[in-house]
Amino acid sequence: MNSIWAYPAEIGQQHQPLTGFSVTGRDGVIGHVDRQMDRPGRQHLVVDTGMWIFGESVLVPAGFVTGIDHATRTVTVDRSKDEIHAAPRFVTDKQTSDSSYLAEVGAYYASLGVPVAG
């Protein structure tokens, strides 16, 4: 089983910048990529799920990415809008080094089941 903290092999993400890309789930647009982490074993996207300055951010492990379309600047994830919005909130970059926060995020996504390959 692949780690949720790594892009699926079929995605072929080669550390290409995804900041600003739209994020789409099973049922529509979720938000946009605010930033990304490409460190092996901790690959993820920080997704701004709100509108304008009132948005909230969540961390989405790279294992849930099912597609990256550079032409349309869109990242597709294998979860619904509600599932992503219900993820533990991302507030500060320090959280990407906080093992308890990453464990909380990992447990949340694990509770949703294994990502479906693209």
N, C-alpha and C. Protein backbone atom coordinates (compact mmCIF):
# COMPACT_ATOMS: atom_id res chain seq x y z
N MET A 1 0.84 -1.19 0.00
CA MET A 1 0.00 0.00 0.00
C MET A 1 0.89 1.25 0.00
N ASN A 2 0.56 2.20 -0.82
CA ASN A 2 1.31 3.45 -0.89
C ASN A 2 0.97 4.34 0.29
N SER A 3 1.92 5.14 0.69
CA SER A 3 1.70 6.11 1.76
C SER A 3 0.78 7.22 1.26
N ILE A 4 -0.07 7.73 2.16
CA ILE A 4 -0.89 8.87 1.77
C ILE A 4 -0.05 10.13 1.63
N TRP A 5 1.21 10.08 2.11
CA TRP A 5 2.10 11.23 2.08
C TRP A 5 3.01 11.25 0.86
N ALA A 6 2.62 10.54 -0.20
CA ALA A 6 3.39 10.53 -1.46
C ALA A 6 2.40 10.52 -2.62
N TYR A 7 2.77 11.18 -3.71
CA TYR A 7 1.92 11.17 -4.89
C TYR A 7 1.85 9.76 -5.45
N PRO A 8 0.69 9.34 -5.93
CA PRO A 8 0.60 8.02 -6.58
C PRO A 8 1.56 7.97 -7.77
N ALA A 9 2.14 6.81 -8.00
CA ALA A 9 3.13 6.64 -9.08
C ALA A 9 2.60 7.10 -10.43
N GLU A 10 1.31 6.86 -10.69
CA GLU A 10 0.75 7.21 -12.00
C GLU A 10 0.58 8.71 -12.21
N ILE A 11 0.68 9.50 -11.13
CA ILE A 11 0.58 10.95 -11.25
C ILE A 11 1.86 11.53 -11.82
N GLY A 12 2.99 10.98 -11.39
CA GLY A 12 4.27 11.43 -11.91
C GLY A 12 4.65 12.84 -11.52
N GLN A 13 4.22 13.31 -10.35
CA GLN A 13 4.57 14.66 -9.89
C GLN A 13 6.07 14.76 -9.69
N GLN A 14 6.70 15.65 -10.43
CA GLN A 14 8.14 15.83 -10.37
C GLN A 14 8.50 17.17 -9.74
N HIS A 15 7.93 17.47 -8.60
CA HIS A 15 8.22 18.70 -7.87
C HIS A 15 7.89 19.94 -8.69
N GLN A 16 6.87 19.84 -9.51
CA GLN A 16 6.44 20.98 -10.30
C GLN A 16 5.56 21.88 -9.44
N PRO A 17 5.70 23.19 -9.58
CA PRO A 17 4.91 24.09 -8.74
C PRO A 17 3.41 23.99 -9.06
N LEU A 18 2.62 23.86 -8.01
CA LEU A 18 1.17 23.75 -8.16
C LEU A 18 0.43 24.91 -7.49
N THR A 19 1.18 25.83 -6.89
CA THR A 19 0.56 26.97 -6.22
C THR A 19 -0.33 27.74 -7.20
N GLY A 20 -1.55 28.02 -6.74
CA GLY A 20 -2.51 28.74 -7.57
C GLY A 20 -3.43 27.84 -8.38
N PHE A 21 -3.10 26.56 -8.49
CA PHE A 21 -3.96 25.63 -9.23
C PHE A 21 -5.30 25.47 -8.49
N SER A 22 -6.38 25.30 -9.24
CA SER A 22 -7.68 24.97 -8.66
C SER A 22 -7.63 23.54 -8.17
N VAL A 23 -8.38 23.26 -7.11
CA VAL A 23 -8.48 21.91 -6.58
C VAL A 23 -9.93 21.47 -6.73
N THR A 24 -10.11 20.35 -7.43
CA THR A 24 -11.44 19.82 -7.69
C THR A 24 -11.56 18.45 -7.06
N GLY A 25 -12.70 18.20 -6.42
CA GLY A 25 -12.97 16.90 -5.81
C GLY A 25 -14.01 16.14 -6.60
N ARG A 26 -14.53 15.10 -5.98
CA ARG A 26 -15.53 14.24 -6.62
C ARG A 26 -16.78 15.02 -7.02
N ASP A 27 -17.08 16.10 -6.29
CA ASP A 27 -18.34 16.82 -6.51
C ASP A 27 -18.15 18.30 -6.81
N GLY A 28 -17.00 18.67 -7.33
CA GLY A 28 -16.82 20.06 -7.74
C GLY A 28 -15.59 20.72 -7.16
N VAL A 29 -15.51 22.03 -7.35
CA VAL A 29 -14.35 22.81 -6.94
C VAL A 29 -14.30 22.93 -5.43
N ILE A 30 -13.12 22.67 -4.87
CA ILE A 30 -12.90 22.73 -3.42
C ILE A 30 -12.22 24.04 -3.03
N GLY A 31 -11.30 24.50 -3.83
CA GLY A 31 -10.53 25.70 -3.53
C GLY A 31 -9.33 25.79 -4.44
N HIS A 32 -8.22 26.29 -3.90
CA HIS A 32 -6.99 26.40 -4.70
C HIS A 32 -5.78 26.05 -3.84
N VAL A 33 -4.71 25.65 -4.51
CA VAL A 33 -3.47 25.31 -3.82
C VAL A 33 -2.81 26.61 -3.36
N ASP A 34 -2.64 26.72 -2.05
CA ASP A 34 -1.98 27.89 -1.46
C ASP A 34 -0.48 27.67 -1.41
N ARG A 35 -0.07 26.43 -1.08
CA ARG A 35 1.34 26.06 -1.08
C ARG A 35 1.44 24.55 -1.09
N GLN A 36 2.65 24.06 -1.26
CA GLN A 36 2.84 22.61 -1.31
C GLN A 36 4.12 22.23 -0.61
N MET A 37 4.17 20.98 -0.19
CA MET A 37 5.38 20.42 0.44
C MET A 37 5.77 19.21 -0.38
N ASP A 38 7.01 19.20 -0.86
CA ASP A 38 7.47 18.09 -1.69
C ASP A 38 8.52 17.23 -1.00
N ARG A 39 8.69 17.41 0.30
CA ARG A 39 9.67 16.60 1.02
C ARG A 39 9.19 15.15 1.06
N PRO A 40 10.03 14.20 0.65
CA PRO A 40 9.65 12.79 0.66
C PRO A 40 9.11 12.36 2.03
N GLY A 41 8.00 11.65 2.01
CA GLY A 41 7.37 11.17 3.23
C GLY A 41 6.41 12.17 3.85
N ARG A 42 6.38 13.39 3.31
CA ARG A 42 5.47 14.42 3.82
C ARG A 42 4.87 15.26 2.69
N GLN A 43 4.77 14.69 1.51
CA GLN A 43 4.23 15.44 0.37
C GLN A 43 2.75 15.73 0.61
N HIS A 44 2.40 17.00 0.44
CA HIS A 44 1.02 17.40 0.63
C HIS A 44 0.78 18.77 -0.02
N LEU A 45 -0.49 19.11 -0.10
CA LEU A 45 -0.91 20.42 -0.58
C LEU A 45 -1.61 21.14 0.57
N VAL A 46 -1.41 22.43 0.67
CA VAL A 46 -2.21 23.26 1.57
C VAL A 46 -3.25 23.91 0.67
N VAL A 47 -4.51 23.59 0.93
CA VAL A 47 -5.60 24.05 0.07
C VAL A 47 -6.44 25.09 0.80
N ASP A 48 -6.56 26.25 0.17
CA ASP A 48 -7.44 27.30 0.68
C ASP A 48 -8.84 26.97 0.20
N THR A 49 -9.74 26.69 1.13
CA THR A 49 -11.09 26.22 0.77
C THR A 49 -12.13 27.32 0.74
N GLY A 50 -11.72 28.56 1.04
CA GLY A 50 -12.71 29.62 1.13
C GLY A 50 -12.58 30.65 0.04
N MET A 51 -13.41 31.63 0.17
CA MET A 51 -13.44 32.72 -0.80
C MET A 51 -12.73 33.93 -0.20
N TRP A 52 -11.99 34.62 -1.04
CA TRP A 52 -11.35 35.87 -0.69
C TRP A 52 -10.49 35.72 0.56
N ILE A 53 -10.56 36.69 1.47
CA ILE A 53 -9.71 36.66 2.66
C ILE A 53 -10.31 35.84 3.80
N PHE A 54 -11.51 35.32 3.62
CA PHE A 54 -12.17 34.60 4.70
C PHE A 54 -11.96 33.09 4.61
N GLY A 55 -11.08 32.67 3.73
CA GLY A 55 -10.87 31.25 3.51
C GLY A 55 -10.22 30.54 4.67
N GLU A 56 -10.47 29.28 4.74
CA GLU A 56 -9.81 28.42 5.70
C GLU A 56 -8.94 27.46 4.90
N SER A 57 -7.86 27.04 5.50
CA SER A 57 -6.95 26.14 4.81
C SER A 57 -6.93 24.77 5.47
N VAL A 58 -6.72 23.76 4.64
CA VAL A 58 -6.57 22.38 5.11
C VAL A 58 -5.38 21.77 4.39
N LEU A 59 -4.84 20.75 5.00
CA LEU A 59 -3.72 20.03 4.41
C LEU A 59 -4.29 18.78 3.74
N VAL A 60 -3.92 18.55 2.49
CA VAL A 60 -4.38 17.38 1.75
C VAL A 60 -3.15 16.54 1.39
N PRO A 61 -3.04 15.33 1.95
CA PRO A 61 -1.91 14.47 1.62
C PRO A 61 -1.86 14.18 0.12
N ALA A 62 -0.66 14.12 -0.43
CA ALA A 62 -0.46 13.91 -1.87
C ALA A 62 -1.06 12.61 -2.38
N GLY A 63 -1.22 11.62 -1.51
CA GLY A 63 -1.78 10.34 -1.93
C GLY A 63 -3.22 10.42 -2.39
N PHE A 64 -3.91 11.52 -2.08
CA PHE A 64 -5.30 11.69 -2.51
C PHE A 64 -5.42 12.44 -3.83
N VAL A 65 -4.28 12.84 -4.40
CA VAL A 65 -4.28 13.50 -5.71
C VAL A 65 -4.44 12.42 -6.78
N THR A 66 -5.45 12.60 -7.63
CA THR A 66 -5.69 11.62 -8.70
C THR A 66 -5.36 12.17 -10.08
N GLY A 67 -5.09 13.47 -10.16
CA GLY A 67 -4.75 14.05 -11.44
C GLY A 67 -4.19 15.45 -11.30
N ILE A 68 -3.28 15.80 -12.19
CA ILE A 68 -2.74 17.15 -12.27
C ILE A 68 -2.76 17.54 -13.74
N ASP A 69 -3.51 18.60 -14.04
CA ASP A 69 -3.62 19.08 -15.42
C ASP A 69 -2.96 20.46 -15.49
N HIS A 70 -1.77 20.50 -16.04
CA HIS A 70 -1.03 21.76 -16.11
C HIS A 70 -1.66 22.72 -17.11
N ALA A 71 -2.31 22.21 -18.13
CA ALA A 71 -2.93 23.08 -19.13
C ALA A 71 -4.08 23.89 -18.52
N THR A 72 -4.89 23.25 -17.67
CA THR A 72 -6.02 23.95 -17.05
C THR A 72 -5.71 24.42 -15.63
N ARG A 73 -4.47 24.12 -15.17
CA ARG A 73 -4.04 24.48 -13.80
C ARG A 73 -5.02 23.94 -12.76
N THR A 74 -5.27 22.62 -12.86
CA THR A 74 -6.22 21.96 -11.97
C THR A 74 -5.60 20.71 -11.35
N VAL A 75 -5.82 20.56 -10.05
CA VAL A 75 -5.45 19.36 -9.32
C VAL A 75 -6.76 18.68 -8.94
N THR A 76 -6.86 17.38 -9.21
CA THR A 76 -8.05 16.62 -8.85
C THR A 76 -7.71 15.72 -7.67
N VAL A 77 -8.60 15.70 -6.68
CA VAL A 77 -8.40 14.85 -5.51
C VAL A 77 -9.56 13.88 -5.36
N ASP A 78 -9.28 12.75 -4.74
CA ASP A 78 -10.26 11.69 -4.56
C ASP A 78 -11.02 11.85 -3.24
N ARG A 79 -11.70 12.96 -3.10
CA ARG A 79 -12.55 13.20 -1.94
C ARG A 79 -13.59 14.25 -2.31
N SER A 80 -14.67 14.29 -1.54
CA SER A 80 -15.72 15.28 -1.78
C SER A 80 -15.35 16.61 -1.13
N LYS A 81 -16.07 17.65 -1.50
CA LYS A 81 -15.86 18.96 -0.89
C LYS A 81 -16.05 18.89 0.62
N ASP A 82 -17.12 18.24 1.06
CA ASP A 82 -17.40 18.14 2.50
C ASP A 82 -16.30 17.40 3.24
N GLU A 83 -15.76 16.34 2.65
CA GLU A 83 -14.68 15.59 3.31
C GLU A 83 -13.43 16.45 3.47
N ILE A 84 -13.09 17.22 2.45
CA ILE A 84 -11.92 18.08 2.53
C ILE A 84 -12.16 19.21 3.52
N HIS A 85 -13.34 19.82 3.47
CA HIS A 85 -13.66 20.93 4.39
C HIS A 85 -13.66 20.47 5.85
N ALA A 86 -13.95 19.21 6.10
CA ALA A 86 -14.01 18.69 7.47
C ALA A 86 -12.64 18.27 8.02
N ALA A 87 -11.60 18.33 7.20
CA ALA A 87 -10.26 17.95 7.64
C ALA A 87 -9.76 18.91 8.72
N PRO A 88 -8.81 18.47 9.54
CA PRO A 88 -8.24 19.36 10.55
C PRO A 88 -7.69 20.64 9.90
N ARG A 89 -7.98 21.77 10.51
CA ARG A 89 -7.57 23.07 9.96
C ARG A 89 -6.05 23.23 9.96
N PHE A 90 -5.57 23.87 8.90
CA PHE A 90 -4.17 24.24 8.78
C PHE A 90 -4.07 25.72 9.09
N VAL A 91 -3.24 26.09 10.07
CA VAL A 91 -3.17 27.48 10.49
C VAL A 91 -1.79 28.10 10.24
N THR A 92 -0.74 27.32 10.50
CA THR A 92 0.62 27.87 10.40
C THR A 92 1.58 26.85 9.80
N ASP A 93 2.60 27.34 9.12
CA ASP A 93 3.59 26.45 8.50
C ASP A 93 4.30 25.56 9.51
N LYS A 94 4.35 25.97 10.77
CA LYS A 94 4.98 25.15 11.80
C LYS A 94 4.29 23.79 11.93
N GLN A 95 3.03 23.72 11.55
CA GLN A 95 2.29 22.46 11.67
C GLN A 95 2.86 21.37 10.77
N THR A 96 3.52 21.73 9.68
CA THR A 96 4.07 20.71 8.78
C THR A 96 5.25 19.98 9.41
N SER A 97 5.76 20.49 10.53
CA SER A 97 6.83 19.82 11.27
C SER A 97 6.32 19.23 12.58
N ASP A 98 5.05 19.43 12.88
CA ASP A 98 4.46 18.96 14.13
C ASP A 98 3.92 17.55 13.93
N SER A 99 4.61 16.58 14.53
CA SER A 99 4.22 15.18 14.32
C SER A 99 2.81 14.88 14.83
N SER A 100 2.37 15.56 15.89
CA SER A 100 1.01 15.28 16.39
C SER A 100 -0.05 15.82 15.42
N TYR A 101 0.21 16.99 14.82
CA TYR A 101 -0.73 17.52 13.83
C TYR A 101 -0.77 16.61 12.61
N LEU A 102 0.41 16.19 12.12
CA LEU A 102 0.44 15.30 10.95
C LEU A 102 -0.23 13.97 11.25
N ALA A 103 -0.09 13.47 12.47
CA ALA A 103 -0.77 12.23 12.86
C ALA A 103 -2.28 12.43 12.87
N GLU A 104 -2.74 13.60 13.34
CA GLU A 104 -4.17 13.91 13.34
C GLU A 104 -4.72 13.97 11.91
N VAL A 105 -3.97 14.64 11.04
CA VAL A 105 -4.38 14.73 9.63
C VAL A 105 -4.39 13.34 9.00
N GLY A 106 -3.34 12.58 9.23
CA GLY A 106 -3.25 11.23 8.69
C GLY A 106 -4.38 10.34 9.16
N ALA A 107 -4.71 10.43 10.46
CA ALA A 107 -5.82 9.63 11.01
C ALA A 107 -7.15 10.04 10.39
N TYR A 108 -7.35 11.34 10.21
CA TYR A 108 -8.59 11.81 9.58
C TYR A 108 -8.75 11.22 8.18
N TYR A 109 -7.72 11.39 7.36
CA TYR A 109 -7.81 10.88 5.99
C TYR A 109 -7.87 9.36 5.94
N ALA A 110 -7.18 8.69 6.85
CA ALA A 110 -7.25 7.22 6.91
C ALA A 110 -8.67 6.76 7.22
N SER A 111 -9.39 7.56 8.03
CA SER A 111 -10.77 7.21 8.37
C SER A 111 -11.70 7.28 7.15
N LEU A 112 -11.26 8.00 6.12
CA LEU A 112 -12.07 8.14 4.90
C LEU A 112 -11.86 6.98 3.94
N GLY A 113 -10.83 6.19 4.19
CA GLY A 113 -10.54 5.06 3.31
C GLY A 113 -9.40 5.33 2.37
N VAL A 114 -9.01 4.29 1.68
CA VAL A 114 -7.86 4.34 0.78
C VAL A 114 -8.21 5.14 -0.47
N PRO A 115 -7.31 6.02 -0.90
CA PRO A 115 -7.56 6.77 -2.13
C PRO A 115 -7.68 5.82 -3.33
N VAL A 116 -8.49 6.21 -4.28
CA VAL A 116 -8.68 5.44 -5.50
C VAL A 116 -7.68 5.92 -6.53
N ALA A 117 -6.99 5.01 -7.17
CA ALA A 117 -6.00 5.39 -8.19
C ALA A 117 -6.69 6.05 -9.36
N GLY A 118 -6.01 7.03 -9.96
CA GLY A 118 -6.54 7.78 -11.10
C GLY A 118 -6.60 6.93 -12.26
